[in-house]
Each structure stands twice: as C-alpha cells, then as structure tokens.
Amino acid sequence: MFAIIETGGKQYRVEQGLEFKVELLQAEAGSELALDKVLLVSADGATKIGAPYLEGATVSCEVLGHGRGEKIFVFKKKRRNDFHKKTGHRQDYTSLKVKSIQA
C-alpha cells in the first residue's frame, strides 16, 4: 500500500515505515502528525485518485526531528564587467516516519 501526499509545495510517494524529509514543519520531535493532503492511494491493485485531494484520507507520521540540508553554492558572474558573487544556502527540513495510511 502506498500513497502520494503533498506538503511544502512538493509531492512524495510514501509507504508504511518509510522515513523521508520534507520542508520545515512546525511540530515538535517525537509528536504525531496527520497529513491530510492525500492525492492518491493504491492498495491491492485498487487505486483511488482525488480531485485534487481524497476526502477522509490521512497519512499518520511521527516527527523524528529537524535539521538543515547540505550547503548549495550559487555563483553568479557577468563577463567583462568584473562582477561575480558567491552565496550559499542550506534548506531547513523535518524528518518524518510514516506510521499508517488510512483511506
């Protein structure tokens, strides 16, 4: 059984027991979190597709913690103008573990 959920403007394919990282959520580590923006649920060959979301479908997750991703360097340069700029960015994330999928 798997589901496709939406959080933080991105879509994720999740299964029970899967650990994954999403955009930063306001939740404490160790707490339960219910994600209700479920786009699709597939189980035993039967697939339910929402328009855009499935009514009554939720994915229960446990919040494992928060962190920051790897640094990404952004380098801008304009030739013949003596212009260059180097900046870095680290994205904050929340680590989740799927406990159950209800459809």
N, C-alpha and C. Protein backbone atom coordinates (compact mmCIF):
# COMPACT_ATOMS: atom_id res chain seq x y z
N MET A 1 0.85 -1.18 0.00
CA MET A 1 0.00 0.00 0.00
C MET A 1 0.89 1.24 0.00
N PHE A 2 0.59 2.17 -0.88
CA PHE A 2 1.33 3.42 -0.91
C PHE A 2 0.37 4.57 -1.17
N ALA A 3 0.87 5.77 -0.90
CA ALA A 3 0.07 6.97 -1.11
C ALA A 3 0.98 8.06 -1.66
N ILE A 4 0.38 9.01 -2.34
CA ILE A 4 1.10 10.19 -2.79
C ILE A 4 0.50 11.38 -2.03
N ILE A 5 1.37 12.08 -1.30
CA ILE A 5 0.91 13.20 -0.49
C ILE A 5 1.57 14.49 -0.97
N GLU A 6 0.99 15.61 -0.55
CA GLU A 6 1.54 16.92 -0.88
C GLU A 6 1.80 17.68 0.41
N THR A 7 3.02 18.20 0.54
CA THR A 7 3.37 19.05 1.67
C THR A 7 4.53 19.94 1.27
N GLY A 8 4.46 21.18 1.65
CA GLY A 8 5.53 22.12 1.33
C GLY A 8 5.66 22.40 -0.15
N GLY A 9 4.57 22.24 -0.92
CA GLY A 9 4.60 22.50 -2.34
C GLY A 9 5.22 21.39 -3.17
N LYS A 10 5.53 20.26 -2.53
CA LYS A 10 6.13 19.12 -3.24
C LYS A 10 5.27 17.88 -3.00
N GLN A 11 5.43 16.90 -3.88
CA GLN A 11 4.69 15.64 -3.76
C GLN A 11 5.65 14.51 -3.42
N TYR A 12 5.21 13.61 -2.55
CA TYR A 12 6.03 12.50 -2.09
C TYR A 12 5.25 11.20 -2.19
N ARG A 13 5.94 10.12 -2.59
CA ARG A 13 5.35 8.78 -2.60
C ARG A 13 5.78 8.12 -1.30
N VAL A 14 4.82 7.74 -0.46
CA VAL A 14 5.12 7.22 0.87
C VAL A 14 4.50 5.84 1.06
N GLU A 15 5.17 5.04 1.87
CA GLU A 15 4.69 3.72 2.28
C GLU A 15 4.84 3.63 3.79
N GLN A 16 4.20 2.65 4.39
CA GLN A 16 4.28 2.48 5.82
C GLN A 16 5.71 2.11 6.22
N GLY A 17 6.25 2.81 7.22
CA GLY A 17 7.60 2.57 7.70
C GLY A 17 8.67 3.39 7.00
N LEU A 18 8.31 4.16 5.98
CA LEU A 18 9.27 4.95 5.22
C LEU A 18 9.68 6.20 6.00
N GLU A 19 10.99 6.49 6.01
CA GLU A 19 11.50 7.72 6.60
C GLU A 19 11.87 8.66 5.46
N PHE A 20 11.40 9.91 5.53
CA PHE A 20 11.68 10.87 4.47
C PHE A 20 11.74 12.28 5.04
N LYS A 21 12.31 13.20 4.26
CA LYS A 21 12.49 14.59 4.68
C LYS A 21 11.57 15.49 3.87
N VAL A 22 10.92 16.43 4.57
CA VAL A 22 10.03 17.40 3.92
C VAL A 22 10.46 18.80 4.33
N GLU A 23 9.86 19.81 3.71
CA GLU A 23 10.13 21.19 4.11
C GLU A 23 9.78 21.36 5.59
N LEU A 24 10.40 22.32 6.24
CA LEU A 24 10.25 22.52 7.68
C LEU A 24 8.79 22.68 8.09
N LEU A 25 8.37 21.87 9.08
CA LEU A 25 7.02 21.93 9.63
C LEU A 25 7.10 22.36 11.09
N GLN A 26 6.07 23.04 11.56
CA GLN A 26 6.03 23.47 12.95
C GLN A 26 5.46 22.35 13.81
N ALA A 27 6.31 21.40 14.18
CA ALA A 27 5.91 20.28 15.03
C ALA A 27 7.12 19.87 15.86
N GLU A 28 6.87 19.40 17.08
CA GLU A 28 7.95 19.01 17.97
C GLU A 28 8.40 17.59 17.66
N ALA A 29 9.68 17.32 17.89
CA ALA A 29 10.23 15.99 17.66
C ALA A 29 9.55 14.99 18.58
N GLY A 30 9.18 13.83 18.05
CA GLY A 30 8.51 12.80 18.83
C GLY A 30 6.99 12.88 18.81
N SER A 31 6.44 13.92 18.21
CA SER A 31 4.99 14.07 18.19
C SER A 31 4.38 13.40 16.95
N GLU A 32 3.06 13.22 16.99
CA GLU A 32 2.31 12.65 15.88
C GLU A 32 1.87 13.78 14.96
N LEU A 33 1.83 13.48 13.66
CA LEU A 33 1.42 14.46 12.67
C LEU A 33 0.54 13.77 11.65
N ALA A 34 -0.60 14.35 11.33
CA ALA A 34 -1.51 13.78 10.34
C ALA A 34 -1.49 14.66 9.10
N LEU A 35 -1.07 14.09 7.97
CA LEU A 35 -1.04 14.80 6.70
C LEU A 35 -2.32 14.44 5.94
N ASP A 36 -3.14 15.45 5.63
CA ASP A 36 -4.44 15.18 5.02
C ASP A 36 -4.51 15.54 3.54
N LYS A 37 -3.45 16.09 2.97
CA LYS A 37 -3.44 16.39 1.54
C LYS A 37 -2.96 15.15 0.77
N VAL A 38 -3.83 14.16 0.68
CA VAL A 38 -3.52 12.90 0.02
C VAL A 38 -4.08 12.96 -1.40
N LEU A 39 -3.20 12.78 -2.39
CA LEU A 39 -3.61 12.86 -3.78
C LEU A 39 -4.04 11.52 -4.35
N LEU A 40 -3.40 10.43 -3.89
CA LEU A 40 -3.66 9.10 -4.46
C LEU A 40 -3.35 8.05 -3.40
N VAL A 41 -4.15 6.99 -3.38
CA VAL A 41 -3.91 5.83 -2.51
C VAL A 41 -4.07 4.59 -3.36
N SER A 42 -3.09 3.68 -3.28
CA SER A 42 -3.16 2.43 -4.01
C SER A 42 -2.93 1.28 -3.05
N ALA A 43 -3.83 0.30 -3.06
CA ALA A 43 -3.72 -0.86 -2.20
C ALA A 43 -4.32 -2.07 -2.90
N ASP A 44 -3.56 -3.14 -3.00
CA ASP A 44 -4.02 -4.41 -3.58
C ASP A 44 -4.58 -4.23 -4.99
N GLY A 45 -3.94 -3.42 -5.79
CA GLY A 45 -4.37 -3.23 -7.17
C GLY A 45 -5.50 -2.23 -7.34
N ALA A 46 -6.13 -1.79 -6.25
CA ALA A 46 -7.20 -0.80 -6.33
C ALA A 46 -6.61 0.58 -6.08
N THR A 47 -6.88 1.51 -6.96
CA THR A 47 -6.32 2.85 -6.85
C THR A 47 -7.43 3.88 -6.73
N LYS A 48 -7.29 4.77 -5.75
CA LYS A 48 -8.23 5.87 -5.57
C LYS A 48 -7.48 7.16 -5.87
N ILE A 49 -8.06 7.99 -6.73
CA ILE A 49 -7.44 9.24 -7.13
C ILE A 49 -8.34 10.39 -6.70
N GLY A 50 -7.76 11.39 -6.07
CA GLY A 50 -8.52 12.55 -5.61
C GLY A 50 -8.62 13.62 -6.68
N ALA A 51 -9.52 14.55 -6.45
CA ALA A 51 -9.69 15.66 -7.39
C ALA A 51 -9.84 16.96 -6.61
N PRO A 52 -8.84 17.63 -6.11
CA PRO A 52 -7.45 17.22 -6.16
C PRO A 52 -7.04 16.32 -4.99
N TYR A 53 -7.80 16.34 -3.87
CA TYR A 53 -7.45 15.53 -2.70
C TYR A 53 -8.54 14.51 -2.41
N LEU A 54 -8.15 13.40 -1.77
CA LEU A 54 -9.10 12.38 -1.35
C LEU A 54 -9.77 12.82 -0.05
N GLU A 55 -11.08 12.71 0.01
CA GLU A 55 -11.82 13.05 1.22
C GLU A 55 -11.65 11.94 2.26
N GLY A 56 -11.30 12.32 3.48
CA GLY A 56 -11.18 11.37 4.58
C GLY A 56 -9.90 10.56 4.60
N ALA A 57 -9.01 10.76 3.68
CA ALA A 57 -7.75 10.02 3.65
C ALA A 57 -6.68 10.81 4.40
N THR A 58 -5.95 10.12 5.27
CA THR A 58 -4.87 10.76 6.02
C THR A 58 -3.67 9.83 6.08
N VAL A 59 -2.51 10.43 6.27
CA VAL A 59 -1.28 9.68 6.48
C VAL A 59 -0.74 10.11 7.83
N SER A 60 -0.63 9.16 8.77
CA SER A 60 -0.13 9.46 10.10
C SER A 60 1.38 9.29 10.13
N CYS A 61 2.07 10.31 10.62
CA CYS A 61 3.53 10.30 10.65
C CYS A 61 4.02 10.64 12.05
N GLU A 62 5.23 10.17 12.35
CA GLU A 62 5.92 10.54 13.57
C GLU A 62 7.05 11.48 13.20
N VAL A 63 7.17 12.58 13.93
CA VAL A 63 8.23 13.55 13.67
C VAL A 63 9.51 13.05 14.34
N LEU A 64 10.54 12.77 13.53
CA LEU A 64 11.80 12.27 14.06
C LEU A 64 12.71 13.41 14.51
N GLY A 65 12.65 14.54 13.84
CA GLY A 65 13.49 15.68 14.21
C GLY A 65 13.57 16.69 13.10
N HIS A 66 14.37 17.72 13.35
CA HIS A 66 14.58 18.80 12.39
C HIS A 66 16.06 18.90 12.09
N GLY A 67 16.37 19.46 10.93
CA GLY A 67 17.77 19.62 10.57
C GLY A 67 17.94 20.59 9.42
N ARG A 68 19.17 20.67 8.94
CA ARG A 68 19.49 21.52 7.81
C ARG A 68 20.22 20.69 6.77
N GLY A 69 19.88 20.89 5.51
CA GLY A 69 20.47 20.12 4.43
C GLY A 69 21.88 20.55 4.10
N GLU A 70 22.44 19.91 3.07
CA GLU A 70 23.77 20.24 2.61
C GLU A 70 23.80 21.65 2.03
N LYS A 71 24.97 22.30 2.11
CA LYS A 71 25.10 23.65 1.57
C LYS A 71 25.16 23.59 0.05
N ILE A 72 24.40 24.46 -0.58
CA ILE A 72 24.38 24.60 -2.03
C ILE A 72 25.00 25.96 -2.35
N PHE A 73 25.99 25.97 -3.22
CA PHE A 73 26.65 27.22 -3.60
C PHE A 73 26.01 27.78 -4.87
N VAL A 74 25.77 29.09 -4.86
CA VAL A 74 25.23 29.80 -6.00
C VAL A 74 26.28 30.81 -6.44
N PHE A 75 26.72 30.71 -7.68
CA PHE A 75 27.77 31.60 -8.19
C PHE A 75 27.24 32.34 -9.41
N LYS A 76 27.29 33.66 -9.35
CA LYS A 76 26.84 34.49 -10.45
C LYS A 76 28.04 35.25 -11.01
N LYS A 77 28.09 35.37 -12.34
CA LYS A 77 29.20 36.07 -12.98
C LYS A 77 28.71 36.73 -14.25
N LYS A 78 29.16 37.96 -14.47
CA LYS A 78 28.88 38.66 -15.73
C LYS A 78 30.22 38.93 -16.39
N ARG A 79 30.41 38.40 -17.55
CA ARG A 79 31.70 38.52 -18.21
C ARG A 79 32.00 39.96 -18.62
N ARG A 80 33.26 40.28 -18.58
CA ARG A 80 33.80 41.59 -18.97
C ARG A 80 33.30 42.75 -18.11
N ASN A 81 32.62 42.48 -17.00
CA ASN A 81 32.12 43.55 -16.15
C ASN A 81 32.73 43.52 -14.74
N ASP A 82 33.67 42.60 -14.52
CA ASP A 82 34.30 42.47 -13.21
C ASP A 82 33.25 42.25 -12.11
N PHE A 83 32.23 41.46 -12.41
CA PHE A 83 31.17 41.16 -11.45
C PHE A 83 31.13 39.66 -11.19
N HIS A 84 31.23 39.29 -9.93
CA HIS A 84 30.98 37.91 -9.53
C HIS A 84 30.52 37.92 -8.07
N LYS A 85 29.60 37.01 -7.78
CA LYS A 85 29.02 36.93 -6.45
C LYS A 85 28.83 35.46 -6.10
N LYS A 86 29.27 35.05 -4.93
CA LYS A 86 29.13 33.67 -4.47
C LYS A 86 28.35 33.66 -3.17
N THR A 87 27.24 32.93 -3.14
CA THR A 87 26.44 32.81 -1.93
C THR A 87 26.15 31.34 -1.68
N GLY A 88 25.75 31.03 -0.47
CA GLY A 88 25.41 29.65 -0.10
C GLY A 88 24.01 29.59 0.50
N HIS A 89 23.44 28.40 0.50
CA HIS A 89 22.10 28.22 1.04
C HIS A 89 21.99 26.83 1.66
N ARG A 90 21.38 26.75 2.83
CA ARG A 90 21.08 25.47 3.47
C ARG A 90 19.60 25.45 3.79
N GLN A 91 18.89 24.44 3.27
CA GLN A 91 17.45 24.34 3.44
C GLN A 91 17.11 23.62 4.74
N ASP A 92 16.19 24.19 5.52
CA ASP A 92 15.71 23.53 6.73
C ASP A 92 14.73 22.43 6.35
N TYR A 93 14.75 21.31 7.11
CA TYR A 93 13.85 20.21 6.82
C TYR A 93 13.35 19.57 8.11
N THR A 94 12.27 18.81 7.97
CA THR A 94 11.72 17.99 9.04
C THR A 94 11.77 16.54 8.59
N SER A 95 12.28 15.67 9.43
CA SER A 95 12.37 14.25 9.11
C SER A 95 11.15 13.54 9.68
N LEU A 96 10.44 12.78 8.83
CA LEU A 96 9.20 12.10 9.22
C LEU A 96 9.32 10.60 8.99
N LYS A 97 8.54 9.83 9.77
CA LYS A 97 8.42 8.39 9.55
C LYS A 97 6.94 8.06 9.48
N VAL A 98 6.54 7.36 8.40
CA VAL A 98 5.13 7.03 8.19
C VAL A 98 4.72 5.88 9.11
N LYS A 99 3.66 6.10 9.87
CA LYS A 99 3.16 5.06 10.76
C LYS A 99 2.01 4.28 10.12
N SER A 100 1.07 5.01 9.50
CA SER A 100 -0.06 4.32 8.87
C SER A 100 -0.69 5.20 7.80
N ILE A 101 -1.42 4.53 6.91
CA ILE A 101 -2.14 5.21 5.83
C ILE A 101 -3.61 4.80 5.94
N GLN A 102 -4.51 5.79 6.11
CA GLN A 102 -5.94 5.50 6.15
C GLN A 102 -6.58 6.09 4.91
N ALA A 103 -7.38 5.25 4.23
CA ALA A 103 -8.05 5.73 3.02
C ALA A 103 -9.54 5.43 3.11
